[in-house]
Amino acid sequence: MRAVVCTGAGGREVLGLDEVPDPVPGPGEILLRVRATAVNRADIMQRQGNYPPPPGASDVLGLECAGHVLAVGAGVDGWAVGDPACALLAGGGYAEQVVVPAGQVVPVPAGIELAPAGGLVEVAATVWSNVFMLAGLQRGETLLVHGGAGGIGTMAIQLAVALGARVAVTAGSPARLERCAALGAEVLVDYHEQDFVAEVLAATDGRGADVVLDSLGASYLTRNLETLATSGRLVIIGLQGGAKAEIDLSTLLVKRCAVLATTLRARPPAEKAAIMAGVVEHVWPLVADGVVQPVVHTTLPLEQVAEAHRIVEDGEAVGKVVLTVG
């Protein structure tokens, strides 16, 4: 099969298409014919040599896909050859075929084509598992999303609004903030021009955000804690702003707040299966009803993978950059 391979760690020039062995499903696994996948920030980090795949995972990039079932391994029920499906991956999505644990394979939401579905799973799983399963965002609470115009941000806005929360976002331009507002965000902060702490506190009458979803890490840690309401929850899902920072523990004590941090990729299959079951139960009906929609910036063929990476790296994308396969 064809797959995107990296000739080494580095810039976009290391990306190329090559022939690699076809994967074979083992017990409890499903073989998918990939029709679409998407570029995630983790793919760029892996290409640069900063985010190796978990032990046993494919070293081919790609954390999600949509396509059709080609074969099922022993012990797999409920799937037949030819069924449309989408999947959460630990790697391998930038290829014509991929093997996935059955618990991470789910139906494509009703009414959604395979191309946008290829960029839907990872953001849905990330937002559902972190904002709702872990941080427990409730109706009437306020969620602050950093990078609201990105793939995770656009999903977080829509899900939070659909489930009755108020959303504040940061983004880097008025145009990107306008897109966030169109999805339902109420508090709009241009991080180049405004202080998100002051803006969120002003918009909540000094109370602060109940949940903060952050991919910056160290560089935002102190200000995120200042933004939190009493009993607030900070969820860190990325380290784009660094990995090391000091915490003023008195802030945690006084506010009775929590700092939570997770990655999705390295979780064991059983945990991923539980997350995907929650996505199917709670998120897919909203997608099928059109309340939550895939936000796709552009769709490119797999052969243009380097350009797809450039768009994401340069911060041009609103939502996801999808790659179609074959």
Protein backbone atom coordinates (compact mmCIF):
# COMPACT_ATOMS: atom_id res chain seq x y z
CA MET A 1 0.00 0.00 0.00
CA ARG A 2 0.98 3.65 -0.30
CA ALA A 3 1.73 5.62 2.83
CA VAL A 4 3.37 8.86 3.83
CA VAL A 5 6.81 8.14 5.24
CA CYS A 6 9.30 10.44 6.94
CA THR A 7 12.87 10.11 5.70
CA GLY A 8 14.05 11.57 8.99
CA ALA A 9 13.12 14.13 11.61
CA GLY A 10 12.82 17.65 10.29
CA GLY A 11 10.83 20.02 8.15
CA ARG A 12 8.18 19.31 5.57
CA GLU A 13 10.83 18.16 3.11
CA VAL A 14 11.11 14.83 4.98
CA LEU A 15 7.55 13.87 3.99
CA GLY A 16 7.09 11.58 1.01
CA LEU A 17 4.89 8.82 -0.39
CA ASP A 18 6.25 5.29 -0.59
CA GLU A 19 5.13 1.68 -0.79
CA VAL A 20 5.00 -0.12 2.56
CA PRO A 21 3.71 -3.56 3.59
CA ASP A 22 -0.06 -3.97 3.91
CA PRO A 23 -1.17 -4.26 7.55
CA VAL A 24 -2.93 -7.44 8.71
CA PRO A 25 -5.61 -7.38 11.43
CA GLY A 26 -5.05 -9.54 14.47
CA PRO A 27 -7.62 -10.71 17.02
CA GLY A 28 -9.85 -7.87 18.15
CA GLU A 29 -8.75 -5.61 15.30
CA ILE A 30 -10.32 -4.15 12.17
CA LEU A 31 -8.60 -3.38 8.87
CA LEU A 32 -9.85 -0.17 7.28
CA ARG A 33 -9.45 1.15 3.74
CA VAL A 34 -8.65 4.78 4.48
CA ARG A 35 -10.50 7.37 2.42
CA ALA A 36 -9.72 10.44 4.51
CA THR A 37 -7.50 11.48 7.38
CA ALA A 38 -6.49 14.85 8.83
CA VAL A 39 -3.47 16.81 10.00
CA ASN A 40 -3.15 17.27 13.75
CA ARG A 41 -0.53 19.23 15.67
CA ALA A 42 0.81 15.92 17.00
CA ASP A 43 1.65 14.85 13.43
CA ILE A 44 3.86 17.90 13.01
CA MET A 45 5.56 17.25 16.34
CA GLN A 46 6.21 13.63 15.34
CA ARG A 47 7.60 14.69 11.96
CA GLN A 48 9.97 17.06 13.78
CA GLY A 49 11.18 14.23 16.02
CA ASN A 50 9.49 15.52 19.17
CA TYR A 51 6.58 13.09 19.62
CA PRO A 52 7.39 9.44 18.91
CA PRO A 53 4.51 6.97 18.57
CA PRO A 54 3.64 4.79 21.56
CA PRO A 55 5.27 1.34 21.71
CA GLY A 56 3.72 -0.97 19.15
CA ALA A 57 1.97 1.79 17.19
CA SER A 58 2.57 2.48 13.51
CA ASP A 59 5.29 5.02 12.80
CA VAL A 60 3.20 6.36 9.92
CA LEU A 61 1.64 9.72 10.81
CA GLY A 62 -2.10 10.15 11.31
CA LEU A 63 -4.27 9.94 14.43
CA GLU A 64 -7.69 9.53 12.81
CA CYS A 65 -9.34 8.34 9.64
CA ALA A 66 -12.57 7.51 7.86
CA GLY A 67 -13.13 4.80 5.28
CA HIS A 68 -14.55 1.31 4.82
CA VAL A 69 -14.00 -2.00 6.57
CA LEU A 70 -11.72 -4.30 4.56
CA ALA A 71 -11.43 -7.17 7.05
CA VAL A 72 -12.17 -8.03 10.67
CA GLY A 73 -10.00 -10.01 13.03
CA ALA A 74 -11.04 -12.89 15.22
CA GLY A 75 -13.46 -11.99 17.98
CA VAL A 76 -14.79 -8.83 16.33
CA ASP A 77 -18.57 -8.57 16.11
CA GLY A 78 -20.88 -5.95 14.66
CA TRP A 79 -18.81 -5.06 11.61
CA ALA A 80 -18.91 -6.37 8.05
CA VAL A 81 -16.68 -5.84 5.04
CA GLY A 82 -17.72 -2.65 3.25
CA ASP A 83 -19.19 -0.88 6.28
CA PRO A 84 -18.33 2.83 6.45
CA ALA A 85 -16.46 3.68 9.62
CA CYS A 86 -14.21 6.23 11.26
CA ALA A 87 -11.54 5.57 13.84
CA LEU A 88 -9.27 7.01 16.50
CA LEU A 89 -5.69 5.91 15.86
CA ALA A 90 -2.36 5.81 17.67
CA GLY A 91 -0.78 6.25 14.23
CA GLY A 92 -1.05 5.05 10.64
CA GLY A 93 -3.75 7.31 9.19
CA TYR A 94 -1.65 8.76 6.34
CA ALA A 95 -1.94 5.51 4.39
CA GLU A 96 -4.28 3.53 2.18
CA GLN A 97 -4.95 0.96 4.92
CA VAL A 98 -4.72 0.88 8.70
CA VAL A 99 -5.32 -1.67 11.45
CA VAL A 100 -7.26 -0.43 14.48
CA PRO A 101 -8.45 -2.01 17.75
CA ALA A 102 -12.17 -2.63 17.28
CA GLY A 103 -13.16 -0.45 20.24
CA GLN A 104 -11.70 2.60 18.50
CA VAL A 105 -13.74 2.08 15.32
CA VAL A 106 -17.16 3.74 15.26
CA PRO A 107 -19.89 4.42 12.70
CA VAL A 108 -19.71 7.58 10.64
CA PRO A 109 -22.32 10.03 11.98
CA ALA A 110 -25.53 10.06 9.94
CA GLY A 111 -25.42 12.56 7.10
CA ILE A 112 -21.65 13.09 7.16
CA GLU A 113 -19.48 12.28 4.14
CA LEU A 114 -16.23 10.37 4.56
CA ALA A 115 -13.95 13.35 3.86
CA PRO A 116 -15.13 15.55 6.75
CA ALA A 117 -15.51 12.46 8.93
CA GLY A 118 -11.78 11.91 8.47
CA GLY A 119 -11.14 15.02 10.52
CA LEU A 120 -13.87 14.58 13.11
CA VAL A 121 -12.85 11.74 15.41
CA GLU A 122 -9.73 13.10 17.08
CA VAL A 123 -11.22 16.46 18.01
CA ALA A 124 -14.47 14.90 19.20
CA ALA A 125 -12.60 12.39 21.37
CA THR A 126 -10.23 15.05 22.74
CA VAL A 127 -12.97 17.49 23.66
CA TRP A 128 -15.41 14.93 25.03
CA SER A 129 -12.80 13.16 27.16
CA ASN A 130 -11.21 16.32 28.56
CA VAL A 131 -13.92 18.96 28.82
CA PHE A 132 -16.80 16.69 29.78
CA MET A 133 -15.56 13.33 31.09
CA LEU A 134 -12.57 14.72 33.01
CA ALA A 135 -13.36 18.37 33.82
CA GLY A 136 -17.10 17.80 34.07
CA LEU A 137 -18.28 21.00 32.37
CA GLN A 138 -21.89 21.62 33.36
CA ARG A 139 -24.81 23.53 31.90
CA GLY A 140 -24.53 27.20 32.87
CA GLU A 141 -20.78 27.10 33.47
CA THR A 142 -18.18 29.08 31.52
CA LEU A 143 -15.54 27.39 29.36
CA LEU A 144 -12.42 29.23 28.17
CA VAL A 145 -10.86 27.70 25.06
CA HIS A 146 -7.42 28.81 23.96
CA GLY A 147 -6.97 28.63 20.19
CA GLY A 148 -10.70 28.71 19.56
CA ALA A 149 -10.37 28.71 15.77
CA GLY A 150 -8.38 25.48 15.57
CA GLY A 151 -9.71 21.99 15.13
CA ILE A 152 -10.08 21.27 18.83
CA GLY A 153 -11.31 24.80 19.52
CA THR A 154 -14.08 24.75 16.94
CA MET A 155 -15.33 21.43 18.30
CA ALA A 156 -15.10 22.60 21.92
CA ILE A 157 -17.13 25.73 21.19
CA GLN A 158 -19.91 23.81 19.47
CA LEU A 159 -20.16 21.02 22.03
CA ALA A 160 -20.10 23.34 25.01
CA VAL A 161 -22.77 25.62 23.54
CA ALA A 162 -24.92 22.64 22.54
CA LEU A 163 -24.81 21.34 26.10
CA GLY A 164 -25.69 24.68 27.68
CA ALA A 165 -22.37 26.25 28.67
CA ARG A 166 -21.08 29.74 27.93
CA VAL A 167 -17.87 29.90 25.89
CA ALA A 168 -14.94 32.34 25.90
CA VAL A 169 -12.15 31.96 23.35
CA THR A 170 -8.76 33.35 22.48
CA ALA A 171 -7.60 33.66 18.87
CA GLY A 172 -5.02 35.63 16.95
CA SER A 173 -7.08 37.86 14.67
CA PRO A 174 -10.50 39.52 14.36
CA ALA A 175 -11.34 37.25 11.42
CA ARG A 176 -10.65 34.11 13.44
CA LEU A 177 -12.65 35.47 16.35
CA GLU A 178 -15.56 36.12 13.98
CA ARG A 179 -15.53 32.44 13.02
CA CYS A 180 -15.58 31.50 16.70
CA ALA A 181 -18.52 33.83 17.30
CA ALA A 182 -20.41 32.23 14.43
CA LEU A 183 -20.03 28.88 16.21
CA GLY A 184 -21.46 30.28 19.44
CA ALA A 185 -18.57 31.77 21.41
CA GLU A 186 -19.68 34.83 23.40
CA VAL A 187 -16.45 36.21 24.89
CA LEU A 188 -13.90 36.93 22.17
CA VAL A 189 -10.29 37.74 23.05
CA ASP A 190 -7.59 38.71 20.53
CA TYR A 191 -4.50 37.51 22.37
CA HIS A 192 -2.31 39.93 20.43
CA GLU A 193 -4.26 42.93 21.68
CA GLN A 194 -6.06 41.91 24.88
CA ASP A 195 -5.39 40.23 28.23
CA PHE A 196 -7.58 37.15 28.41
CA VAL A 197 -7.55 37.17 32.23
CA ALA A 198 -9.03 40.66 32.39
CA GLU A 199 -11.51 39.99 29.60
CA VAL A 200 -12.85 36.74 31.06
CA LEU A 201 -13.12 38.17 34.57
CA ALA A 202 -14.95 41.23 33.23
CA ALA A 203 -17.35 39.08 31.22
CA THR A 204 -18.16 36.90 34.24
CA ASP A 205 -18.51 39.71 36.81
CA GLY A 206 -15.23 38.69 38.40
CA ARG A 207 -16.14 35.03 38.81
CA GLY A 208 -13.83 33.57 36.16
CA ALA A 209 -13.98 30.47 33.98
CA ASP A 210 -15.14 27.17 35.42
CA VAL A 211 -13.09 25.17 32.92
CA VAL A 212 -10.07 26.23 30.86
CA LEU A 213 -8.96 24.06 27.92
CA ASP A 214 -5.32 24.86 27.19
CA SER A 215 -2.74 23.61 24.69
CA LEU A 216 0.00 26.13 25.57
CA GLY A 217 1.14 24.70 28.88
CA ALA A 218 3.87 26.53 30.76
CA SER A 219 3.58 29.95 29.16
CA TYR A 220 -0.10 30.28 30.12
CA LEU A 221 -0.10 28.43 33.44
CA THR A 222 -0.05 31.39 35.84
CA ARG A 223 -2.63 33.40 33.92
CA ASN A 224 -4.87 30.37 33.47
CA LEU A 225 -4.94 29.91 37.24
CA GLU A 226 -5.76 33.59 37.69
CA THR A 227 -8.67 33.14 35.25
CA LEU A 228 -10.21 30.15 37.04
CA ALA A 229 -13.34 30.51 39.14
CA THR A 230 -13.62 28.94 42.57
CA SER A 231 -13.68 25.16 42.09
CA GLY A 232 -12.44 25.71 38.53
CA ARG A 233 -10.62 23.08 36.47
CA LEU A 234 -7.65 23.75 34.20
CA VAL A 235 -7.16 21.02 31.60
CA ILE A 236 -3.79 21.04 29.82
CA ILE A 237 -3.70 19.06 26.57
CA GLY A 238 -0.57 20.47 24.93
CA LEU A 239 2.79 22.05 25.60
CA GLN A 240 3.22 24.47 22.71
CA GLY A 241 4.30 27.14 25.22
CA GLY A 242 6.72 24.95 27.15
CA ALA A 243 6.70 22.14 29.69
CA LYS A 244 8.06 23.69 32.89
CA ALA A 245 6.54 26.43 35.06
CA GLU A 246 6.02 27.23 38.73
CA ILE A 247 2.64 27.04 40.43
CA ASP A 248 1.60 29.30 43.29
CA LEU A 249 -0.06 26.64 45.41
CA SER A 250 -1.89 29.26 47.43
CA THR A 251 -3.97 30.03 44.34
CA LEU A 252 -5.05 26.40 44.15
CA LEU A 253 -5.85 26.33 47.86
CA VAL A 254 -7.84 29.55 47.94
CA LYS A 255 -9.81 28.75 44.80
CA ARG A 256 -10.10 25.02 45.52
CA CYS A 257 -9.28 24.43 41.88
CA ALA A 258 -7.63 21.58 40.01
CA VAL A 259 -4.94 21.29 37.36
CA LEU A 260 -5.47 18.30 35.10
CA ALA A 261 -3.28 17.15 32.20
CA THR A 262 -3.82 14.39 29.67
CA THR A 263 -2.72 12.95 26.38
CA LEU A 264 -5.04 10.83 24.26
CA ARG A 265 -2.63 8.98 22.01
CA ALA A 266 -0.82 6.92 24.65
CA ARG A 267 -3.94 5.74 26.50
CA PRO A 268 -4.56 1.97 26.44
CA PRO A 269 -7.17 0.65 24.00
CA ALA A 270 -9.73 0.03 26.74
CA GLU A 271 -9.68 3.70 27.76
CA LYS A 272 -9.90 4.83 24.15
CA ALA A 273 -12.83 2.48 23.60
CA ALA A 274 -14.65 4.02 26.57
CA ILE A 275 -14.04 7.50 25.21
CA MET A 276 -15.29 6.53 21.76
CA ALA A 277 -18.40 4.96 23.28
CA GLY A 278 -19.09 8.30 24.96
CA VAL A 279 -18.54 10.14 21.68
CA VAL A 280 -21.01 7.89 19.87
CA GLU A 281 -23.59 8.28 22.64
CA HIS A 282 -23.31 11.99 23.28
CA VAL A 283 -21.59 13.69 20.32
CA TRP A 284 -22.69 11.79 17.23
CA PRO A 285 -26.42 12.55 17.74
CA LEU A 286 -25.58 16.26 17.83
CA VAL A 287 -23.58 15.88 14.62
CA ALA A 288 -26.38 13.92 12.95
CA ASP A 289 -28.85 16.67 13.90
CA GLY A 290 -26.56 19.38 12.53
CA VAL A 291 -26.14 21.03 15.93
CA VAL A 292 -22.42 20.23 15.85
CA GLN A 293 -20.74 20.28 12.45
CA PRO A 294 -17.30 19.32 11.15
CA VAL A 295 -15.32 22.49 10.48
CA VAL A 296 -12.99 21.84 7.54
CA HIS A 297 -10.61 24.56 6.40
CA THR A 298 -9.55 22.75 3.24
CA THR A 299 -9.35 19.28 1.72
CA LEU A 300 -6.23 18.16 -0.12
CA PRO A 301 -5.11 14.85 -1.67
CA LEU A 302 -2.57 12.80 0.28
CA GLU A 303 0.04 13.71 -2.33
CA GLN A 304 -0.10 17.31 -1.02
CA VAL A 305 0.67 16.34 2.57
CA ALA A 306 3.54 18.84 2.81
CA GLU A 307 1.21 21.71 1.89
CA ALA A 308 -1.33 20.46 4.42
CA HIS A 309 1.34 20.55 7.12
CA ARG A 310 2.35 24.06 6.06
CA ILE A 311 -1.21 25.35 6.45
CA VAL A 312 -1.46 23.96 9.98
CA GLU A 313 2.03 25.05 11.00
CA ASP A 314 1.47 28.58 9.74
CA GLY A 315 -1.74 28.92 11.73
CA GLU A 316 -3.89 29.50 8.66
CA ALA A 317 -6.48 26.83 9.30
CA VAL A 318 -9.87 27.42 10.87
CA GLY A 319 -10.93 23.93 11.86
CA LYS A 320 -9.28 20.90 10.26
CA VAL A 321 -7.12 20.27 7.21
CA VAL A 322 -8.32 16.98 5.67
CA LEU A 323 -6.32 14.66 3.43
CA THR A 324 -8.17 12.39 1.00
CA VAL A 325 -6.66 9.02 0.15
CA GLY A 326 -7.17 7.36 -3.24
